Amino acid sequence: MRIVGLDVSRSVAEIAYLEDGVLRAGGRAGLRRDELERFAAQLGPDDHVVLEATGNTAAIVNVLRAHVGQVIVANPLQVRLIAEARVKTAGVTTSADRTATHPLEERSPCSARRASD
């Protein structure tokens, strides 16, 4: 299993991969539908994607969920608290890294939408 963490902003997502205990930066993916589809095509059914709930989370989840085994939407407040409590030892700390150290509750795209309303 590979964990793919997305740190989502308005127009791009920073990507990090956690596989076999090794964290590596994965660059950026644009958030337009065609860009997300191109990124999603590189993912597989054994991948688990983790991202924070934001205004465009539901649209991102709708594109990614057909390509991966699981999409986990993390509560931004919990992620922030975990990040603040953790000593950062690497230059990259993303949702994938945080999830590996503290699994968060899984949410469906519907509950993510309700949370952001």
N, C-alpha and C. Protein backbone atom coordinates (compact mmCIF):
# COMPACT_ATOMS: atom_id res chain seq x y z
N MET A 1 0.84 -1.18 0.00
CA MET A 1 0.00 0.00 0.00
C MET A 1 0.89 1.24 0.00
N ARG A 2 0.48 2.21 -0.79
CA ARG A 2 1.17 3.49 -0.83
C ARG A 2 0.18 4.56 -0.39
N ILE A 3 0.64 5.47 0.46
CA ILE A 3 -0.19 6.59 0.89
C ILE A 3 0.24 7.81 0.10
N VAL A 4 -0.74 8.47 -0.50
CA VAL A 4 -0.49 9.66 -1.30
C VAL A 4 -1.14 10.83 -0.58
N GLY A 5 -0.33 11.77 -0.12
CA GLY A 5 -0.85 12.94 0.59
C GLY A 5 -0.94 14.12 -0.34
N LEU A 6 -2.06 14.82 -0.28
CA LEU A 6 -2.26 16.02 -1.09
C LEU A 6 -2.45 17.21 -0.16
N ASP A 7 -1.61 18.21 -0.32
CA ASP A 7 -1.76 19.48 0.40
C ASP A 7 -2.38 20.44 -0.61
N VAL A 8 -3.69 20.64 -0.49
CA VAL A 8 -4.48 21.32 -1.51
C VAL A 8 -4.54 22.82 -1.26
N SER A 9 -4.27 23.60 -2.32
CA SER A 9 -4.50 25.04 -2.29
C SER A 9 -5.59 25.34 -3.32
N ARG A 10 -5.74 26.58 -3.73
CA ARG A 10 -6.81 26.92 -4.68
C ARG A 10 -6.65 26.27 -6.05
N SER A 11 -5.44 26.24 -6.57
CA SER A 11 -5.28 25.78 -7.95
C SER A 11 -4.31 24.61 -8.12
N VAL A 12 -3.56 24.26 -7.08
CA VAL A 12 -2.62 23.13 -7.17
C VAL A 12 -2.62 22.33 -5.87
N ALA A 13 -2.12 21.12 -5.98
CA ALA A 13 -1.93 20.28 -4.81
C ALA A 13 -0.47 19.84 -4.78
N GLU A 14 0.17 20.02 -3.63
CA GLU A 14 1.51 19.48 -3.42
C GLU A 14 1.32 18.01 -3.09
N ILE A 15 2.15 17.16 -3.67
CA ILE A 15 1.99 15.72 -3.53
C ILE A 15 3.17 15.14 -2.75
N ALA A 16 2.86 14.20 -1.86
CA ALA A 16 3.91 13.44 -1.17
C ALA A 16 3.48 11.98 -1.17
N TYR A 17 4.46 11.10 -1.29
CA TYR A 17 4.22 9.67 -1.28
C TYR A 17 4.89 9.05 -0.07
N LEU A 18 4.17 8.18 0.61
CA LEU A 18 4.74 7.40 1.71
C LEU A 18 4.59 5.94 1.34
N GLU A 19 5.74 5.29 1.13
CA GLU A 19 5.73 3.89 0.71
C GLU A 19 6.87 3.17 1.39
N ASP A 20 6.55 2.05 2.02
CA ASP A 20 7.55 1.25 2.73
C ASP A 20 8.32 2.10 3.74
N GLY A 21 7.62 3.01 4.41
CA GLY A 21 8.23 3.84 5.44
C GLY A 21 9.08 4.98 4.92
N VAL A 22 9.12 5.16 3.60
CA VAL A 22 9.94 6.22 3.00
C VAL A 22 9.02 7.31 2.45
N LEU A 23 9.26 8.54 2.90
CA LEU A 23 8.49 9.69 2.44
C LEU A 23 9.27 10.41 1.35
N ARG A 24 8.59 10.68 0.23
CA ARG A 24 9.26 11.43 -0.83
C ARG A 24 8.29 12.44 -1.44
N ALA A 25 8.84 13.56 -1.84
CA ALA A 25 8.05 14.60 -2.49
C ALA A 25 7.64 14.13 -3.87
N GLY A 26 6.45 14.53 -4.29
CA GLY A 26 5.94 14.09 -5.58
C GLY A 26 5.61 15.21 -6.53
N GLY A 27 6.02 16.43 -6.19
CA GLY A 27 5.75 17.55 -7.09
C GLY A 27 4.37 18.13 -6.88
N ARG A 28 3.81 18.65 -7.96
CA ARG A 28 2.51 19.32 -7.90
C ARG A 28 1.58 18.76 -8.97
N ALA A 29 0.29 18.87 -8.68
CA ALA A 29 -0.73 18.55 -9.67
C ALA A 29 -1.72 19.71 -9.69
N GLY A 30 -2.09 20.13 -10.88
CA GLY A 30 -3.11 21.17 -11.01
C GLY A 30 -4.46 20.61 -10.62
N LEU A 31 -5.39 21.48 -10.27
CA LEU A 31 -6.69 21.03 -9.79
C LEU A 31 -7.81 21.19 -10.81
N ARG A 32 -7.49 21.58 -12.04
CA ARG A 32 -8.51 21.52 -13.08
C ARG A 32 -8.82 20.05 -13.34
N ARG A 33 -10.02 19.76 -13.79
CA ARG A 33 -10.43 18.36 -13.97
C ARG A 33 -9.46 17.59 -14.86
N ASP A 34 -9.03 18.17 -15.98
CA ASP A 34 -8.12 17.46 -16.88
C ASP A 34 -6.78 17.18 -16.20
N GLU A 35 -6.31 18.12 -15.38
CA GLU A 35 -5.04 17.92 -14.66
C GLU A 35 -5.19 16.84 -13.59
N LEU A 36 -6.32 16.84 -12.88
CA LEU A 36 -6.56 15.80 -11.88
C LEU A 36 -6.68 14.43 -12.52
N GLU A 37 -7.35 14.36 -13.66
CA GLU A 37 -7.47 13.08 -14.38
C GLU A 37 -6.09 12.55 -14.78
N ARG A 38 -5.22 13.44 -15.24
CA ARG A 38 -3.87 13.04 -15.63
C ARG A 38 -3.10 12.51 -14.41
N PHE A 39 -3.22 13.20 -13.28
CA PHE A 39 -2.57 12.74 -12.05
C PHE A 39 -3.17 11.41 -11.59
N ALA A 40 -4.50 11.30 -11.60
CA ALA A 40 -5.18 10.10 -11.13
C ALA A 40 -4.81 8.88 -11.96
N ALA A 41 -4.52 9.07 -13.23
CA ALA A 41 -4.15 7.96 -14.11
C ALA A 41 -2.84 7.30 -13.66
N GLN A 42 -2.04 8.02 -12.88
CA GLN A 42 -0.77 7.49 -12.38
C GLN A 42 -0.95 6.70 -11.08
N LEU A 43 -2.15 6.73 -10.52
CA LEU A 43 -2.43 6.05 -9.26
C LEU A 43 -3.02 4.68 -9.52
N GLY A 44 -3.01 3.84 -8.48
CA GLY A 44 -3.53 2.49 -8.65
C GLY A 44 -4.46 2.09 -7.53
N PRO A 45 -5.07 0.92 -7.65
CA PRO A 45 -6.06 0.46 -6.66
C PRO A 45 -5.47 0.19 -5.28
N ASP A 46 -4.16 0.05 -5.16
CA ASP A 46 -3.53 -0.15 -3.85
C ASP A 46 -3.17 1.17 -3.18
N ASP A 47 -3.35 2.28 -3.88
CA ASP A 47 -3.02 3.59 -3.32
C ASP A 47 -4.16 4.09 -2.44
N HIS A 48 -3.78 4.78 -1.37
CA HIS A 48 -4.73 5.47 -0.50
C HIS A 48 -4.37 6.94 -0.53
N VAL A 49 -5.32 7.79 -0.86
CA VAL A 49 -5.09 9.22 -0.96
C VAL A 49 -5.67 9.91 0.27
N VAL A 50 -4.88 10.83 0.83
CA VAL A 50 -5.30 11.60 2.00
C VAL A 50 -5.21 13.08 1.66
N LEU A 51 -6.30 13.82 1.96
CA LEU A 51 -6.28 15.27 1.78
C LEU A 51 -7.15 15.92 2.83
N GLU A 52 -6.85 17.17 3.11
CA GLU A 52 -7.64 17.93 4.08
C GLU A 52 -8.93 18.40 3.43
N ALA A 53 -9.97 18.51 4.24
CA ALA A 53 -11.24 19.05 3.75
C ALA A 53 -11.06 20.53 3.44
N THR A 54 -11.37 20.90 2.20
CA THR A 54 -11.33 22.30 1.76
C THR A 54 -12.58 22.56 0.93
N GLY A 55 -12.68 23.73 0.38
CA GLY A 55 -13.85 24.07 -0.43
C GLY A 55 -14.01 23.22 -1.67
N ASN A 56 -12.91 22.73 -2.24
CA ASN A 56 -13.00 21.96 -3.48
C ASN A 56 -12.74 20.47 -3.27
N THR A 57 -12.83 20.00 -2.03
CA THR A 57 -12.54 18.60 -1.73
C THR A 57 -13.46 17.64 -2.46
N ALA A 58 -14.75 17.91 -2.48
CA ALA A 58 -15.70 16.98 -3.10
C ALA A 58 -15.37 16.76 -4.58
N ALA A 59 -15.02 17.82 -5.29
CA ALA A 59 -14.68 17.69 -6.71
C ALA A 59 -13.41 16.85 -6.89
N ILE A 60 -12.43 17.05 -6.03
CA ILE A 60 -11.18 16.29 -6.10
C ILE A 60 -11.45 14.81 -5.82
N VAL A 61 -12.22 14.55 -4.77
CA VAL A 61 -12.56 13.17 -4.40
C VAL A 61 -13.30 12.48 -5.53
N ASN A 62 -14.23 13.17 -6.17
CA ASN A 62 -15.00 12.58 -7.27
C ASN A 62 -14.10 12.10 -8.40
N VAL A 63 -13.03 12.82 -8.69
CA VAL A 63 -12.11 12.40 -9.75
C VAL A 63 -11.23 11.25 -9.28
N LEU A 64 -10.69 11.34 -8.07
CA LEU A 64 -9.69 10.38 -7.61
C LEU A 64 -10.26 9.02 -7.21
N ARG A 65 -11.47 8.98 -6.66
CA ARG A 65 -11.96 7.74 -6.07
C ARG A 65 -12.11 6.59 -7.07
N ALA A 66 -12.25 6.88 -8.35
CA ALA A 66 -12.36 5.81 -9.35
C ALA A 66 -11.01 5.15 -9.63
N HIS A 67 -9.92 5.78 -9.19
CA HIS A 67 -8.58 5.31 -9.53
C HIS A 67 -7.83 4.66 -8.37
N VAL A 68 -8.30 4.87 -7.14
CA VAL A 68 -7.54 4.43 -5.97
C VAL A 68 -8.40 3.53 -5.07
N GLY A 69 -7.72 2.86 -4.14
CA GLY A 69 -8.43 1.99 -3.22
C GLY A 69 -9.24 2.74 -2.19
N GLN A 70 -8.75 3.91 -1.77
CA GLN A 70 -9.43 4.67 -0.73
C GLN A 70 -9.03 6.13 -0.79
N VAL A 71 -10.00 7.01 -0.56
CA VAL A 71 -9.73 8.44 -0.41
C VAL A 71 -10.18 8.83 0.99
N ILE A 72 -9.26 9.41 1.75
CA ILE A 72 -9.54 9.81 3.12
C ILE A 72 -9.51 11.33 3.18
N VAL A 73 -10.58 11.91 3.70
CA VAL A 73 -10.66 13.35 3.87
C VAL A 73 -10.46 13.64 5.35
N ALA A 74 -9.40 14.38 5.65
CA ALA A 74 -9.04 14.65 7.04
C ALA A 74 -9.63 15.98 7.51
N ASN A 75 -9.99 16.01 8.77
CA ASN A 75 -10.48 17.23 9.40
C ASN A 75 -9.30 18.19 9.53
N PRO A 76 -9.37 19.39 8.93
CA PRO A 76 -8.23 20.32 8.97
C PRO A 76 -7.80 20.71 10.38
N LEU A 77 -8.74 20.82 11.30
CA LEU A 77 -8.38 21.17 12.67
C LEU A 77 -7.53 20.07 13.30
N GLN A 78 -7.92 18.81 13.10
CA GLN A 78 -7.14 17.71 13.65
C GLN A 78 -5.75 17.67 13.03
N VAL A 79 -5.67 17.87 11.73
CA VAL A 79 -4.37 17.84 11.05
C VAL A 79 -3.48 18.96 11.57
N ARG A 80 -4.04 20.15 11.76
CA ARG A 80 -3.26 21.28 12.27
C ARG A 80 -2.73 20.97 13.67
N LEU A 81 -3.58 20.43 14.53
CA LEU A 81 -3.15 20.11 15.89
C LEU A 81 -2.06 19.05 15.90
N ILE A 82 -2.18 18.05 15.04
CA ILE A 82 -1.16 17.01 14.94
C ILE A 82 0.15 17.62 14.46
N ALA A 83 0.07 18.46 13.44
CA ALA A 83 1.27 19.07 12.87
C ALA A 83 1.97 19.95 13.90
N GLU A 84 1.21 20.70 14.69
CA GLU A 84 1.81 21.58 15.70
C GLU A 84 2.43 20.78 16.83
N ALA A 85 1.87 19.62 17.14
CA ALA A 85 2.37 18.82 18.25
C ALA A 85 3.59 18.00 17.87
N ARG A 86 3.85 17.86 16.61
CA ARG A 86 4.91 16.98 16.11
C ARG A 86 6.17 17.77 15.79
N VAL A 87 7.30 17.24 16.16
CA VAL A 87 8.57 17.86 15.80
C VAL A 87 8.86 17.48 14.36
N LYS A 88 9.06 18.48 13.51
CA LYS A 88 9.30 18.21 12.10
C LYS A 88 10.78 17.90 11.89
N THR A 89 11.02 16.72 11.34
CA THR A 89 12.40 16.29 11.13
C THR A 89 12.80 16.33 9.67
N ALA A 90 11.82 16.50 8.78
CA ALA A 90 12.12 16.54 7.35
C ALA A 90 11.58 17.84 6.78
N GLY A 91 12.00 18.17 5.60
CA GLY A 91 11.54 19.38 4.94
C GLY A 91 10.12 19.29 4.45
N VAL A 92 9.59 18.07 4.31
CA VAL A 92 8.25 17.89 3.77
C VAL A 92 7.39 17.22 4.83
N THR A 93 6.34 17.89 5.26
CA THR A 93 5.35 17.29 6.14
C THR A 93 4.00 17.51 5.49
N THR A 94 3.34 16.44 5.09
CA THR A 94 2.08 16.55 4.37
C THR A 94 1.04 15.67 5.02
N SER A 95 -0.10 15.62 4.41
CA SER A 95 -1.18 14.78 4.92
C SER A 95 -0.75 13.32 4.99
N ALA A 96 0.04 12.84 4.03
CA ALA A 96 0.48 11.44 4.05
C ALA A 96 1.33 11.18 5.28
N ASP A 97 2.24 12.08 5.58
CA ASP A 97 3.11 11.93 6.74
C ASP A 97 2.29 11.96 8.02
N ARG A 98 1.37 12.89 8.12
CA ARG A 98 0.54 13.01 9.32
C ARG A 98 -0.33 11.78 9.51
N THR A 99 -0.88 11.25 8.43
CA THR A 99 -1.74 10.09 8.53
C THR A 99 -0.95 8.87 8.97
N ALA A 100 0.28 8.76 8.51
CA ALA A 100 1.11 7.62 8.89
C ALA A 100 1.39 7.63 10.39
N THR A 101 1.50 8.81 10.98
CA THR A 101 1.81 8.89 12.40
C THR A 101 0.56 8.93 13.27
N HIS A 102 -0.58 9.31 12.69
CA HIS A 102 -1.82 9.40 13.45
C HIS A 102 -2.99 9.25 12.50
N PRO A 103 -3.50 8.03 12.32
CA PRO A 103 -4.60 7.84 11.38
C PRO A 103 -5.81 8.68 11.77
N LEU A 104 -6.44 9.24 10.78
CA LEU A 104 -7.61 10.08 11.01
C LEU A 104 -8.86 9.36 10.53
N GLU A 105 -9.97 9.84 10.98
CA GLU A 105 -11.26 9.27 10.63
C GLU A 105 -11.53 9.42 9.13
N GLU A 106 -12.04 8.37 8.53
CA GLU A 106 -12.38 8.43 7.11
C GLU A 106 -13.72 9.13 6.96
N ARG A 107 -13.84 9.94 5.92
CA ARG A 107 -15.09 10.63 5.64
C ARG A 107 -15.46 10.40 4.19
N SER A 108 -16.73 10.33 3.95
CA SER A 108 -17.20 10.20 2.57
C SER A 108 -17.23 11.58 1.95
N PRO A 109 -17.28 11.67 0.61
CA PRO A 109 -17.37 12.98 -0.04
C PRO A 109 -18.60 13.76 0.43
N CYS A 110 -19.69 13.06 0.75
CA CYS A 110 -20.90 13.74 1.21
C CYS A 110 -20.66 14.43 2.54
N SER A 111 -20.00 13.73 3.49
CA SER A 111 -19.76 14.36 4.79
C SER A 111 -18.74 15.47 4.66
N ALA A 112 -17.80 15.35 3.71
CA ALA A 112 -16.85 16.44 3.49
C ALA A 112 -17.58 17.67 2.98
N ARG A 113 -18.56 17.45 2.11
CA ARG A 113 -19.33 18.56 1.58
C ARG A 113 -20.11 19.24 2.69
N ARG A 114 -20.74 18.44 3.56
CA ARG A 114 -21.52 19.02 4.65
C ARG A 114 -20.61 19.80 5.60
N ALA A 115 -19.41 19.28 5.84
CA ALA A 115 -18.49 19.94 6.76
C ALA A 115 -18.04 21.29 6.24
N SER A 116 -17.98 21.45 4.91
CA SER A 116 -17.49 22.71 4.35
C SER A 116 -18.61 23.70 4.07
N ASP A 117 -19.86 23.27 4.22
CA ASP A 117 -20.99 24.19 3.96
C ASP A 117 -21.04 25.30 4.97
